[in-house]
Full PDB file with SEQRES, HELIX, SHEET, SSBOND, CRYST1, ORIGX, SCALE, CONECT and MASTER records, all heavy atoms in Angstrom:
SEQRES   1 A   40  GLN GLN ILE GLY VAL PRO VAL HIS LEU PHE ARG GLY ASN          
SEQRES   2 A   40  GLU ALA GLU ASP LEU TYR MET LEU SER GLN CYS ASP TYR          
SEQRES   3 A   40  ILE MET GLY ALA LYS SER THR PHE SER LEU VAL ALA SER          
SEQRES   4 A   40  PHE                                                          
HELIX    1 AA1 GLU A   14  SER A   22  1                                   9    
HELIX    2 AA2 THR A   33  SER A   39  1                                   7    
CRYST1    1.000    1.000    1.000  90.00  90.00  90.00 P 1           1          
ORIGX1      1.000000  0.000000  0.000000        0.00000                         
ORIGX2      0.000000  1.000000  0.000000        0.00000                         
ORIGX3      0.000000  0.000000  1.000000        0.00000                         
SCALE1      1.000000  0.000000  0.000000        0.00000                         
SCALE2      0.000000  1.000000  0.000000        0.00000                         
SCALE3      0.000000  0.000000  1.000000        0.00000                         
ATOM      1  N   GLN A   1      10.505  -5.552  -8.186  1.00  0.00           N  
ATOM      2  CA  GLN A   1      11.191  -5.576  -6.864  1.00  0.00           C  
ATOM      3  C   GLN A   1      10.915  -4.292  -6.155  1.00  0.00           C  
ATOM      4  O   GLN A   1      10.929  -4.423  -4.907  1.00  0.00           O  
ATOM      5  CB  GLN A   1      12.681  -5.583  -7.164  1.00  0.00           C  
ATOM      6  CG  GLN A   1      13.200  -6.990  -7.639  1.00  0.00           C  
ATOM      7  CD  GLN A   1      14.727  -6.797  -8.090  1.00  0.00           C  
ATOM      8  OE1 GLN A   1      15.474  -5.835  -7.951  1.00  0.00           O  
ATOM      9  NE2 GLN A   1      15.240  -7.925  -8.663  1.00  0.00           N  
ATOM     10  N   GLN A   2      10.425  -3.255  -6.792  1.00  0.00           N  
ATOM     11  CA  GLN A   2      10.151  -1.941  -6.187  1.00  0.00           C  
ATOM     12  C   GLN A   2       8.738  -1.829  -5.605  1.00  0.00           C  
ATOM     13  O   GLN A   2       8.514  -0.975  -4.894  1.00  0.00           O  
ATOM     14  CB  GLN A   2      10.566  -0.825  -6.979  1.00  0.00           C  
ATOM     15  CG  GLN A   2      12.023  -0.802  -7.441  1.00  0.00           C  
ATOM     16  CD  GLN A   2      13.128  -0.845  -6.480  1.00  0.00           C  
ATOM     17  OE1 GLN A   2      13.043  -0.059  -5.529  1.00  0.00           O  
ATOM     18  NE2 GLN A   2      13.997  -1.771  -6.500  1.00  0.00           N  
ATOM     19  N   ILE A   3       7.925  -2.688  -6.200  1.00  0.00           N  
ATOM     20  CA  ILE A   3       6.493  -2.601  -5.985  1.00  0.00           C  
ATOM     21  C   ILE A   3       5.930  -3.699  -5.330  1.00  0.00           C  
ATOM     22  O   ILE A   3       6.403  -4.866  -5.573  1.00  0.00           O  
ATOM     23  CB  ILE A   3       5.644  -2.256  -7.320  1.00  0.00           C  
ATOM     24  CG1 ILE A   3       6.273  -1.019  -7.898  1.00  0.00           C  
ATOM     25  CG2 ILE A   3       4.253  -2.195  -7.124  1.00  0.00           C  
ATOM     26  CD1 ILE A   3       5.848  -0.737  -9.359  1.00  0.00           C  
ATOM     27  N   GLY A   4       5.182  -3.563  -4.339  1.00  0.00           N  
ATOM     28  CA  GLY A   4       4.813  -4.689  -3.468  1.00  0.00           C  
ATOM     29  C   GLY A   4       3.440  -5.424  -3.904  1.00  0.00           C  
ATOM     30  O   GLY A   4       2.871  -6.156  -3.135  1.00  0.00           O  
ATOM     31  N   VAL A   5       3.140  -5.220  -5.091  1.00  0.00           N  
ATOM     32  CA  VAL A   5       2.005  -5.966  -5.774  1.00  0.00           C  
ATOM     33  C   VAL A   5       2.317  -6.436  -7.042  1.00  0.00           C  
ATOM     34  O   VAL A   5       3.358  -6.175  -7.670  1.00  0.00           O  
ATOM     35  CB  VAL A   5       0.753  -5.004  -5.912  1.00  0.00           C  
ATOM     36  CG1 VAL A   5       0.336  -4.297  -4.454  1.00  0.00           C  
ATOM     37  CG2 VAL A   5       0.955  -3.854  -6.854  1.00  0.00           C  
ATOM     38  N   PRO A   6       1.512  -7.286  -7.726  1.00  0.00           N  
ATOM     39  CA  PRO A   6       1.804  -7.947  -8.959  1.00  0.00           C  
ATOM     40  C   PRO A   6       2.042  -6.785 -10.123  1.00  0.00           C  
ATOM     41  O   PRO A   6       1.159  -5.878 -10.089  1.00  0.00           O  
ATOM     42  CB  PRO A   6       0.630  -8.880  -9.255  1.00  0.00           C  
ATOM     43  CG  PRO A   6       0.145  -9.183  -7.973  1.00  0.00           C  
ATOM     44  CD  PRO A   6       0.367  -8.032  -7.110  1.00  0.00           C  
ATOM     45  N   VAL A   7       3.082  -6.857 -10.876  1.00  0.00           N  
ATOM     46  CA  VAL A   7       3.288  -5.985 -11.938  1.00  0.00           C  
ATOM     47  C   VAL A   7       3.339  -6.727 -13.155  1.00  0.00           C  
ATOM     48  O   VAL A   7       4.166  -7.835 -13.196  1.00  0.00           O  
ATOM     49  CB  VAL A   7       4.721  -5.121 -11.689  1.00  0.00           C  
ATOM     50  CG1 VAL A   7       4.982  -4.270 -12.878  1.00  0.00           C  
ATOM     51  CG2 VAL A   7       4.552  -4.410 -10.413  1.00  0.00           C  
ATOM     52  N   HIS A   8       2.732  -6.223 -14.289  1.00  0.00           N  
ATOM     53  CA  HIS A   8       2.698  -7.027 -15.516  1.00  0.00           C  
ATOM     54  C   HIS A   8       3.096  -6.040 -16.663  1.00  0.00           C  
ATOM     55  O   HIS A   8       2.766  -4.886 -16.681  1.00  0.00           O  
ATOM     56  CB  HIS A   8       1.248  -7.582 -15.750  1.00  0.00           C  
ATOM     57  CG  HIS A   8       0.782  -8.429 -14.843  1.00  0.00           C  
ATOM     58  ND1 HIS A   8       1.100  -9.777 -14.628  1.00  0.00           N  
ATOM     59  CD2 HIS A   8      -0.025  -8.103 -13.684  1.00  0.00           C  
ATOM     60  CE1 HIS A   8       0.447 -10.260 -13.608  1.00  0.00           C  
ATOM     61  NE2 HIS A   8      -0.167  -9.269 -12.962  1.00  0.00           N  
ATOM     62  N   LEU A   9       3.743  -6.532 -17.554  1.00  0.00           N  
ATOM     63  CA  LEU A   9       4.197  -5.768 -18.892  1.00  0.00           C  
ATOM     64  C   LEU A   9       3.687  -6.652 -20.081  1.00  0.00           C  
ATOM     65  O   LEU A   9       4.123  -7.757 -20.308  1.00  0.00           O  
ATOM     66  CB  LEU A   9       5.595  -5.649 -18.960  1.00  0.00           C  
ATOM     67  CG  LEU A   9       6.161  -4.971 -20.086  1.00  0.00           C  
ATOM     68  CD1 LEU A   9       5.733  -3.581 -20.381  1.00  0.00           C  
ATOM     69  CD2 LEU A   9       7.724  -5.031 -20.151  1.00  0.00           C  
ATOM     70  N   PHE A  10       2.759  -5.952 -20.765  1.00  0.00           N  
ATOM     71  CA  PHE A  10       2.125  -6.671 -22.010  1.00  0.00           C  
ATOM     72  C   PHE A  10       2.737  -5.964 -23.108  1.00  0.00           C  
ATOM     73  O   PHE A  10       2.661  -4.775 -23.385  1.00  0.00           O  
ATOM     74  CB  PHE A  10       0.626  -6.586 -22.121  1.00  0.00           C  
ATOM     75  CG  PHE A  10       0.066  -7.096 -23.207  1.00  0.00           C  
ATOM     76  CD1 PHE A  10      -0.073  -8.567 -23.370  1.00  0.00           C  
ATOM     77  CD2 PHE A  10      -0.412  -6.327 -24.320  1.00  0.00           C  
ATOM     78  CE1 PHE A  10      -0.632  -9.091 -24.517  1.00  0.00           C  
ATOM     79  CE2 PHE A  10      -1.029  -6.983 -25.330  1.00  0.00           C  
ATOM     80  CZ  PHE A  10      -1.102  -8.271 -25.497  1.00  0.00           C  
ATOM     81  N   ARG A  11       3.596  -6.649 -23.861  1.00  0.00           N  
ATOM     82  CA  ARG A  11       4.261  -6.146 -25.110  1.00  0.00           C  
ATOM     83  C   ARG A  11       3.333  -6.216 -26.306  1.00  0.00           C  
ATOM     84  O   ARG A  11       3.748  -6.958 -27.231  1.00  0.00           O  
ATOM     85  CB  ARG A  11       5.555  -6.713 -25.358  1.00  0.00           C  
ATOM     86  CG  ARG A  11       6.603  -6.585 -24.199  1.00  0.00           C  
ATOM     87  CD  ARG A  11       7.431  -5.340 -24.437  1.00  0.00           C  
ATOM     88  NE  ARG A  11       8.536  -5.209 -23.610  1.00  0.00           N  
ATOM     89  CZ  ARG A  11       9.110  -4.074 -23.294  1.00  0.00           C  
ATOM     90  NH1 ARG A  11       8.815  -2.996 -24.001  1.00  0.00           N  
ATOM     91  NH2 ARG A  11      10.210  -3.975 -22.430  1.00  0.00           N  
ATOM     92  N   GLY A  12       2.418  -5.535 -26.394  1.00  0.00           N  
ATOM     93  CA  GLY A  12       1.509  -5.497 -27.391  1.00  0.00           C  
ATOM     94  C   GLY A  12       1.811  -4.419 -28.484  1.00  0.00           C  
ATOM     95  O   GLY A  12       2.820  -3.608 -28.388  1.00  0.00           O  
ATOM     96  N   ASN A  13       1.056  -4.332 -29.563  1.00  0.00           N  
ATOM     97  CA  ASN A  13       1.104  -3.294 -30.505  1.00  0.00           C  
ATOM     98  C   ASN A  13       0.339  -2.084 -29.889  1.00  0.00           C  
ATOM     99  O   ASN A  13      -0.241  -2.170 -28.840  1.00  0.00           O  
ATOM    100  CB  ASN A  13       0.719  -3.576 -31.938  1.00  0.00           C  
ATOM    101  CG  ASN A  13      -0.725  -4.019 -31.884  1.00  0.00           C  
ATOM    102  OD1 ASN A  13      -1.490  -3.466 -31.254  1.00  0.00           O  
ATOM    103  ND2 ASN A  13      -1.121  -5.034 -32.723  1.00  0.00           N  
ATOM    104  N   GLU A  14       0.455  -0.949 -30.586  1.00  0.00           N  
ATOM    105  CA  GLU A  14      -0.084   0.203 -30.145  1.00  0.00           C  
ATOM    106  C   GLU A  14      -1.571   0.175 -29.805  1.00  0.00           C  
ATOM    107  O   GLU A  14      -2.148   0.561 -28.866  1.00  0.00           O  
ATOM    108  CB  GLU A  14       0.118   1.429 -31.113  1.00  0.00           C  
ATOM    109  CG  GLU A  14       1.529   1.865 -31.252  1.00  0.00           C  
ATOM    110  CD  GLU A  14       2.420   1.125 -32.315  1.00  0.00           C  
ATOM    111  OE1 GLU A  14       1.669   0.096 -32.889  1.00  0.00           O  
ATOM    112  OE2 GLU A  14       3.428   1.460 -32.393  1.00  0.00           O  
ATOM    113  N   ALA A  15      -2.341  -0.566 -30.699  1.00  0.00           N  
ATOM    114  CA  ALA A  15      -3.784  -0.711 -30.613  1.00  0.00           C  
ATOM    115  C   ALA A  15      -3.954  -1.572 -29.293  1.00  0.00           C  
ATOM    116  O   ALA A  15      -4.952  -1.351 -28.550  1.00  0.00           O  
ATOM    117  CB  ALA A  15      -4.481  -1.347 -31.756  1.00  0.00           C  
ATOM    118  N   GLU A  16      -3.324  -2.733 -29.144  1.00  0.00           N  
ATOM    119  CA  GLU A  16      -3.482  -3.528 -28.009  1.00  0.00           C  
ATOM    120  C   GLU A  16      -3.030  -2.794 -26.677  1.00  0.00           C  
ATOM    121  O   GLU A  16      -3.894  -3.048 -25.666  1.00  0.00           O  
ATOM    122  CB  GLU A  16      -2.602  -4.824 -28.104  1.00  0.00           C  
ATOM    123  CG  GLU A  16      -3.069  -5.761 -29.282  1.00  0.00           C  
ATOM    124  CD  GLU A  16      -2.016  -6.714 -29.661  1.00  0.00           C  
ATOM    125  OE1 GLU A  16      -0.831  -6.672 -29.353  1.00  0.00           O  
ATOM    126  OE2 GLU A  16      -2.377  -7.680 -30.360  1.00  0.00           O  
ATOM    127  N   ASP A  17      -2.135  -2.027 -26.760  1.00  0.00           N  
ATOM    128  CA  ASP A  17      -1.689  -1.213 -25.451  1.00  0.00           C  
ATOM    129  C   ASP A  17      -2.872  -0.289 -25.172  1.00  0.00           C  
ATOM    130  O   ASP A  17      -3.175  -0.074 -23.950  1.00  0.00           O  
ATOM    131  CB  ASP A  17      -0.496  -0.527 -25.731  1.00  0.00           C  
ATOM    132  CG  ASP A  17       0.799  -1.312 -25.643  1.00  0.00           C  
ATOM    133  OD1 ASP A  17       0.663  -2.565 -25.216  1.00  0.00           O  
ATOM    134  OD2 ASP A  17       1.870  -0.904 -25.989  1.00  0.00           O  
ATOM    135  N   LEU A  18      -3.338   0.396 -26.098  1.00  0.00           N  
ATOM    136  CA  LEU A  18      -4.546   1.295 -25.831  1.00  0.00           C  
ATOM    137  C   LEU A  18      -5.824   0.625 -25.222  1.00  0.00           C  
ATOM    138  O   LEU A  18      -6.222   1.035 -24.349  1.00  0.00           O  
ATOM    139  CB  LEU A  18      -4.887   2.127 -27.215  1.00  0.00           C  
ATOM    140  CG  LEU A  18      -5.905   3.162 -27.144  1.00  0.00           C  
ATOM    141  CD1 LEU A  18      -5.285   4.387 -26.334  1.00  0.00           C  
ATOM    142  CD2 LEU A  18      -6.270   3.625 -28.513  1.00  0.00           C  
ATOM    143  N   TYR A  19      -6.022  -0.571 -25.930  1.00  0.00           N  
ATOM    144  CA  TYR A  19      -7.127  -1.286 -25.389  1.00  0.00           C  
ATOM    145  C   TYR A  19      -6.860  -1.787 -23.876  1.00  0.00           C  
ATOM    146  O   TYR A  19      -7.687  -1.661 -22.975  1.00  0.00           O  
ATOM    147  CB  TYR A  19      -7.467  -2.530 -26.258  1.00  0.00           C  
ATOM    148  CG  TYR A  19      -8.462  -3.506 -25.620  1.00  0.00           C  
ATOM    149  CD1 TYR A  19      -9.853  -3.050 -25.582  1.00  0.00           C  
ATOM    150  CD2 TYR A  19      -8.163  -4.754 -25.212  1.00  0.00           C  
ATOM    151  CE1 TYR A  19     -10.775  -3.790 -25.039  1.00  0.00           C  
ATOM    152  CE2 TYR A  19      -9.138  -5.520 -24.734  1.00  0.00           C  
ATOM    153  CZ  TYR A  19     -10.483  -5.013 -24.520  1.00  0.00           C  
ATOM    154  OH  TYR A  19     -11.301  -5.913 -24.099  1.00  0.00           O  
ATOM    155  N   MET A  20      -5.604  -2.194 -23.624  1.00  0.00           N  
ATOM    156  CA  MET A  20      -5.199  -2.631 -22.377  1.00  0.00           C  
ATOM    157  C   MET A  20      -5.359  -1.525 -21.314  1.00  0.00           C  
ATOM    158  O   MET A  20      -5.957  -1.707 -20.183  1.00  0.00           O  
ATOM    159  CB  MET A  20      -3.764  -3.247 -22.237  1.00  0.00           C  
ATOM    160  CG  MET A  20      -3.430  -3.635 -20.863  1.00  0.00           C  
ATOM    161  SD  MET A  20      -1.673  -3.944 -20.535  1.00  0.00           S  
ATOM    162  CE  MET A  20      -1.053  -2.249 -20.447  1.00  0.00           C  
ATOM    163  N   LEU A  21      -4.934  -0.301 -21.622  1.00  0.00           N  
ATOM    164  CA  LEU A  21      -5.046   0.817 -20.651  1.00  0.00           C  
ATOM    165  C   LEU A  21      -6.504   1.124 -20.479  1.00  0.00           C  
ATOM    166  O   LEU A  21      -6.906   1.404 -19.379  1.00  0.00           O  
ATOM    167  CB  LEU A  21      -4.299   2.053 -21.267  1.00  0.00           C  
ATOM    168  CG  LEU A  21      -2.924   2.135 -21.045  1.00  0.00           C  
ATOM    169  CD1 LEU A  21      -2.229   3.370 -21.653  1.00  0.00           C  
ATOM    170  CD2 LEU A  21      -2.458   2.069 -19.572  1.00  0.00           C  
ATOM    171  N   SER A  22      -7.337   0.989 -21.456  1.00  0.00           N  
ATOM    172  CA  SER A  22      -8.816   1.302 -21.392  1.00  0.00           C  
ATOM    173  C   SER A  22      -9.536   0.376 -20.457  1.00  0.00           C  
ATOM    174  O   SER A  22     -10.607   0.756 -20.109  1.00  0.00           O  
ATOM    175  CB  SER A  22      -9.312   1.427 -22.784  1.00  0.00           C  
ATOM    176  OG  SER A  22      -9.682   0.186 -23.296  1.00  0.00           O  
ATOM    177  N   GLN A  23      -8.954  -0.694 -20.362  1.00  0.00           N  
ATOM    178  CA  GLN A  23      -9.621  -1.846 -19.583  1.00  0.00           C  
ATOM    179  C   GLN A  23      -9.115  -1.819 -18.053  1.00  0.00           C  
ATOM    180  O   GLN A  23      -9.667  -2.576 -17.261  1.00  0.00           O  
ATOM    181  CB  GLN A  23      -9.297  -3.181 -20.135  1.00  0.00           C  
ATOM    182  CG  GLN A  23     -10.054  -3.321 -21.490  1.00  0.00           C  
ATOM    183  CD  GLN A  23     -11.472  -3.040 -21.518  1.00  0.00           C  
ATOM    184  OE1 GLN A  23     -12.258  -3.763 -20.861  1.00  0.00           O  
ATOM    185  NE2 GLN A  23     -11.858  -1.994 -22.296  1.00  0.00           N  
ATOM    186  N   CYS A  24      -8.231  -0.892 -17.677  1.00  0.00           N  
ATOM    187  CA  CYS A  24      -7.989  -0.690 -16.292  1.00  0.00           C  
ATOM    188  C   CYS A  24      -8.872   0.146 -15.582  1.00  0.00           C  
ATOM    189  O   CYS A  24      -9.820   0.874 -16.187  1.00  0.00           O  
ATOM    190  CB  CYS A  24      -6.521  -0.096 -16.288  1.00  0.00           C  
ATOM    191  SG  CYS A  24      -5.160  -1.226 -16.864  1.00  0.00           S  
ATOM    192  N   ASP A  25      -8.773   0.276 -14.263  1.00  0.00           N  
ATOM    193  CA  ASP A  25      -9.651   0.972 -13.378  1.00  0.00           C  
ATOM    194  C   ASP A  25      -9.092   2.427 -13.227  1.00  0.00           C  
ATOM    195  O   ASP A  25     -10.019   3.323 -12.831  1.00  0.00           O  
ATOM    196  CB  ASP A  25      -9.862   0.254 -12.099  1.00  0.00           C  
ATOM    197  CG  ASP A  25     -10.367  -1.112 -12.229  1.00  0.00           C  
ATOM    198  OD1 ASP A  25     -11.546  -1.166 -12.898  1.00  0.00           O  
ATOM    199  OD2 ASP A  25      -9.858  -2.106 -11.805  1.00  0.00           O  
ATOM    200  N   TYR A  26      -7.799   2.537 -13.294  1.00  0.00           N  
ATOM    201  CA  TYR A  26      -7.267   3.862 -13.218  1.00  0.00           C  
ATOM    202  C   TYR A  26      -6.005   3.813 -14.140  1.00  0.00           C  
ATOM    203  O   TYR A  26      -5.510   2.748 -14.483  1.00  0.00           O  
ATOM    204  CB  TYR A  26      -6.503   4.081 -11.784  1.00  0.00           C  
ATOM    205  CG  TYR A  26      -7.623   4.362 -10.664  1.00  0.00           C  
ATOM    206  CD1 TYR A  26      -8.220   3.301 -10.045  1.00  0.00           C  
ATOM    207  CD2 TYR A  26      -7.853   5.722 -10.209  1.00  0.00           C  
ATOM    208  CE1 TYR A  26      -9.080   3.486  -9.028  1.00  0.00           C  
ATOM    209  CE2 TYR A  26      -8.772   5.771  -9.263  1.00  0.00           C  
ATOM    210  CZ  TYR A  26      -9.401   4.717  -8.579  1.00  0.00           C  
ATOM    211  OH  TYR A  26     -10.190   4.835  -7.534  1.00  0.00           O  
ATOM    212  N   ILE A  27      -5.730   5.051 -14.679  1.00  0.00           N  
ATOM    213  CA  ILE A  27      -4.530   5.200 -15.601  1.00  0.00           C  
ATOM    214  C   ILE A  27      -3.690   6.206 -15.072  1.00  0.00           C  
ATOM    215  O   ILE A  27      -4.212   7.383 -14.616  1.00  0.00           O  
ATOM    216  CB  ILE A  27      -5.029   5.567 -17.047  1.00  0.00           C  
ATOM    217  CG1 ILE A  27      -5.825   4.421 -17.593  1.00  0.00           C  
ATOM    218  CG2 ILE A  27      -3.809   5.753 -17.848  1.00  0.00           C  
ATOM    219  CD1 ILE A  27      -6.604   4.820 -18.903  1.00  0.00           C  
ATOM    220  N   MET A  28      -2.369   6.059 -15.202  1.00  0.00           N  
ATOM    221  CA  MET A  28      -1.397   7.181 -14.752  1.00  0.00           C  
ATOM    222  C   MET A  28      -0.271   7.076 -15.745  1.00  0.00           C  
ATOM    223  O   MET A  28       0.001   6.077 -16.240  1.00  0.00           O  
ATOM    224  CB  MET A  28      -0.785   7.112 -13.365  1.00  0.00           C  
ATOM    225  CG  MET A  28       0.153   6.109 -13.059  1.00  0.00           C  
ATOM    226  SD  MET A  28       1.049   6.355 -11.496  1.00  0.00           S  
ATOM    227  CE  MET A  28      -0.239   6.320 -10.403  1.00  0.00           C  
ATOM    228  N   GLY A  29       0.282   8.187 -15.924  1.00  0.00           N  
ATOM    229  CA  GLY A  29       1.442   8.318 -16.856  1.00  0.00           C  
ATOM    230  C   GLY A  29       1.823   9.791 -17.287  1.00  0.00           C  
ATOM    231  O   GLY A  29       1.146  10.679 -16.803  1.00  0.00           O  
ATOM    232  N   ALA A  30       2.851   9.886 -18.012  1.00  0.00           N  
ATOM    233  CA  ALA A  30       3.233  11.181 -18.550  1.00  0.00           C  
ATOM    234  C   ALA A  30       2.103  11.735 -19.219  1.00  0.00           C  
ATOM    235  O   ALA A  30       1.265  11.111 -19.796  1.00  0.00           O  
ATOM    236  CB  ALA A  30       4.432  11.158 -19.431  1.00  0.00           C  
ATOM    237  N   LYS A  31       1.936  13.025 -19.378  1.00  0.00           N  
ATOM    238  CA  LYS A  31       0.981  13.742 -20.176  1.00  0.00           C  
ATOM    239  C   LYS A  31       0.996  13.230 -21.601  1.00  0.00           C  
ATOM    240  O   LYS A  31       2.099  13.355 -22.289  1.00  0.00           O  
ATOM    241  CB  LYS A  31       1.203  15.263 -20.080  1.00  0.00           C  
ATOM    242  CG  LYS A  31       0.023  16.089 -20.661  1.00  0.00           C  
ATOM    243  CD  LYS A  31       0.138  17.433 -20.398  1.00  0.00           C  
ATOM    244  CE  LYS A  31      -0.940  18.269 -20.953  1.00  0.00           C  
ATOM    245  NZ  LYS A  31      -0.870  19.630 -20.730  1.00  0.00           N  
ATOM    246  N   SER A  32      -0.188  12.625 -22.037  1.00  0.00           N  
ATOM    247  CA  SER A  32      -0.117  12.084 -23.309  1.00  0.00           C  
ATOM    248  C   SER A  32      -1.657  11.924 -23.884  1.00  0.00           C  
ATOM    249  O   SER A  32      -2.388  11.584 -23.157  1.00  0.00           O  
ATOM    250  CB  SER A  32       0.479  10.754 -23.208  1.00  0.00           C  
ATOM    251  OG  SER A  32       0.135   9.827 -24.280  1.00  0.00           O  
ATOM    252  N   THR A  33      -1.742  12.207 -25.087  1.00  0.00           N  
ATOM    253  CA  THR A  33      -3.101  12.059 -25.762  1.00  0.00           C  
ATOM    254  C   THR A  33      -3.499  10.555 -25.880  1.00  0.00           C  
ATOM    255  O   THR A  33      -4.556  10.026 -25.828  1.00  0.00           O  
ATOM    256  CB  THR A  33      -3.145  12.606 -27.110  1.00  0.00           C  
ATOM    257  OG1 THR A  33      -2.153  12.139 -28.042  1.00  0.00           O  
ATOM    258  CG2 THR A  33      -3.228  14.100 -27.078  1.00  0.00           C  
ATOM    259  N   PHE A  34      -2.394   9.669 -25.972  1.00  0.00           N  
ATOM    260  CA  PHE A  34      -2.563   8.267 -26.013  1.00  0.00           C  
ATOM    261  C   PHE A  34      -3.173   7.782 -24.761  1.00  0.00           C  
ATOM    262  O   PHE A  34      -4.342   7.103 -24.814  1.00  0.00           O  
ATOM    263  CB  PHE A  34      -1.195   7.524 -26.147  1.00  0.00           C  
ATOM    264  CG  PHE A  34      -1.260   5.958 -26.436  1.00  0.00           C  
ATOM    265  CD1 PHE A  34      -1.416   5.690 -27.594  1.00  0.00           C  
ATOM    266  CD2 PHE A  34      -1.230   5.108 -25.324  1.00  0.00           C  
ATOM    267  CE1 PHE A  34      -1.401   4.205 -27.880  1.00  0.00           C  
ATOM    268  CE2 PHE A  34      -1.266   3.801 -25.456  1.00  0.00           C  
ATOM    269  CZ  PHE A  34      -1.387   3.346 -26.758  1.00  0.00           C  
ATOM    270  N   SER A  35      -2.822   8.098 -23.561  1.00  0.00           N  
ATOM    271  CA  SER A  35      -3.404   7.581 -22.353  1.00  0.00           C  
ATOM    272  C   SER A  35      -4.801   8.396 -22.184  1.00  0.00           C  
ATOM    273  O   SER A  35      -5.716   7.780 -21.665  1.00  0.00           O  
ATOM    274  CB  SER A  35      -2.563   7.747 -21.079  1.00  0.00           C  
ATOM    275  OG  SER A  35      -2.098   9.203 -20.895  1.00  0.00           O  
ATOM    276  N   LEU A  36      -4.896   9.555 -22.583  1.00  0.00           N  
ATOM    277  CA  LEU A  36      -6.133  10.263 -22.579  1.00  0.00           C  
ATOM    278  C   LEU A  36      -7.217   9.573 -23.329  1.00  0.00           C  
ATOM    279  O   LEU A  36      -8.459   9.514 -23.019  1.00  0.00           O  
ATOM    280  CB  LEU A  36      -6.004  11.631 -23.076  1.00  0.00           C  
ATOM    281  CG  LEU A  36      -7.203  12.694 -22.883  1.00  0.00           C  
ATOM    282  CD1 LEU A  36      -7.665  12.693 -21.418  1.00  0.00           C  
ATOM    283  CD2 LEU A  36      -6.918  13.993 -23.555  1.00  0.00           C  
ATOM    284  N   VAL A  37      -7.000   9.090 -24.499  1.00  0.00           N  
ATOM    285  CA  VAL A  37      -7.745   8.416 -25.415  1.00  0.00           C  
ATOM    286  C   VAL A  37      -8.250   7.129 -24.734  1.00  0.00           C  
ATOM    287  O   VAL A  37      -9.396   6.695 -24.670  1.00  0.00           O  
ATOM    288  CB  VAL A  37      -7.284   8.143 -26.796  1.00  0.00           C  
ATOM    289  CG1 VAL A  37      -8.183   7.109 -27.555  1.00  0.00           C  
ATOM    290  CG2 VAL A  37      -7.167   9.456 -27.574  1.00  0.00           C  
ATOM    291  N   ALA A  38      -7.306   6.377 -24.081  1.00  0.00           N  
ATOM    292  CA  ALA A  38      -7.632   5.259 -23.316  1.00  0.00           C  
ATOM    293  C   ALA A  38      -8.662   5.518 -22.236  1.00  0.00           C  
ATOM    294  O   ALA A  38      -9.590   4.716 -22.106  1.00  0.00           O  
ATOM    295  CB  ALA A  38      -6.359   4.518 -22.700  1.00  0.00           C  
ATOM    296  N   SER A  39      -8.503   6.631 -21.544  1.00  0.00           N  
ATOM    297  CA  SER A  39      -9.517   7.023 -20.539  1.00  0.00           C  
ATOM    298  C   SER A  39     -10.802   7.211 -21.090  1.00  0.00           C  
ATOM    299  O   SER A  39     -11.934   6.941 -20.506  1.00  0.00           O  
ATOM    300  CB  SER A  39      -8.982   8.361 -19.859  1.00  0.00           C  
ATOM    301  OG  SER A  39      -9.866   8.851 -19.150  1.00  0.00           O  
ATOM    302  N   PHE A  40     -11.009   7.793 -22.245  1.00  0.00           N  
ATOM    303  CA  PHE A  40     -12.142   8.099 -23.045  1.00  0.00           C  
ATOM    304  C   PHE A  40     -13.049   6.856 -23.128  1.00  0.00           C  
ATOM    305  O   PHE A  40     -14.255   7.035 -23.003  1.00  0.00           O  
ATOM    306  CB  PHE A  40     -11.864   8.758 -24.431  1.00  0.00           C  
ATOM    307  CG  PHE A  40     -12.949   8.809 -25.366  1.00  0.00           C  
ATOM    308  CD1 PHE A  40     -13.986   9.783 -25.015  1.00  0.00           C  
ATOM    309  CD2 PHE A  40     -13.133   7.985 -26.436  1.00  0.00           C  
ATOM    310  CE1 PHE A  40     -15.114   9.844 -25.954  1.00  0.00           C  
ATOM    311  CE2 PHE A  40     -14.270   8.095 -27.227  1.00  0.00           C  
ATOM    312  CZ  PHE A  40     -15.182   8.948 -26.994  1.00  0.00           C  
TER     313      PHE A  40                                                      
MASTER        0    0    0    2    0    0    0    6  312    1    0    4          
END                                                                             
């Protein structure tokens, strides 16, 4: 409701979430080694 574009939530396990983030074109979030590894 707050965002004017499609929003998706994939409830995967940790490995699937890491892979999902790594397949995005940009990543944002709280400071975290998890998202940093996805960027890698």
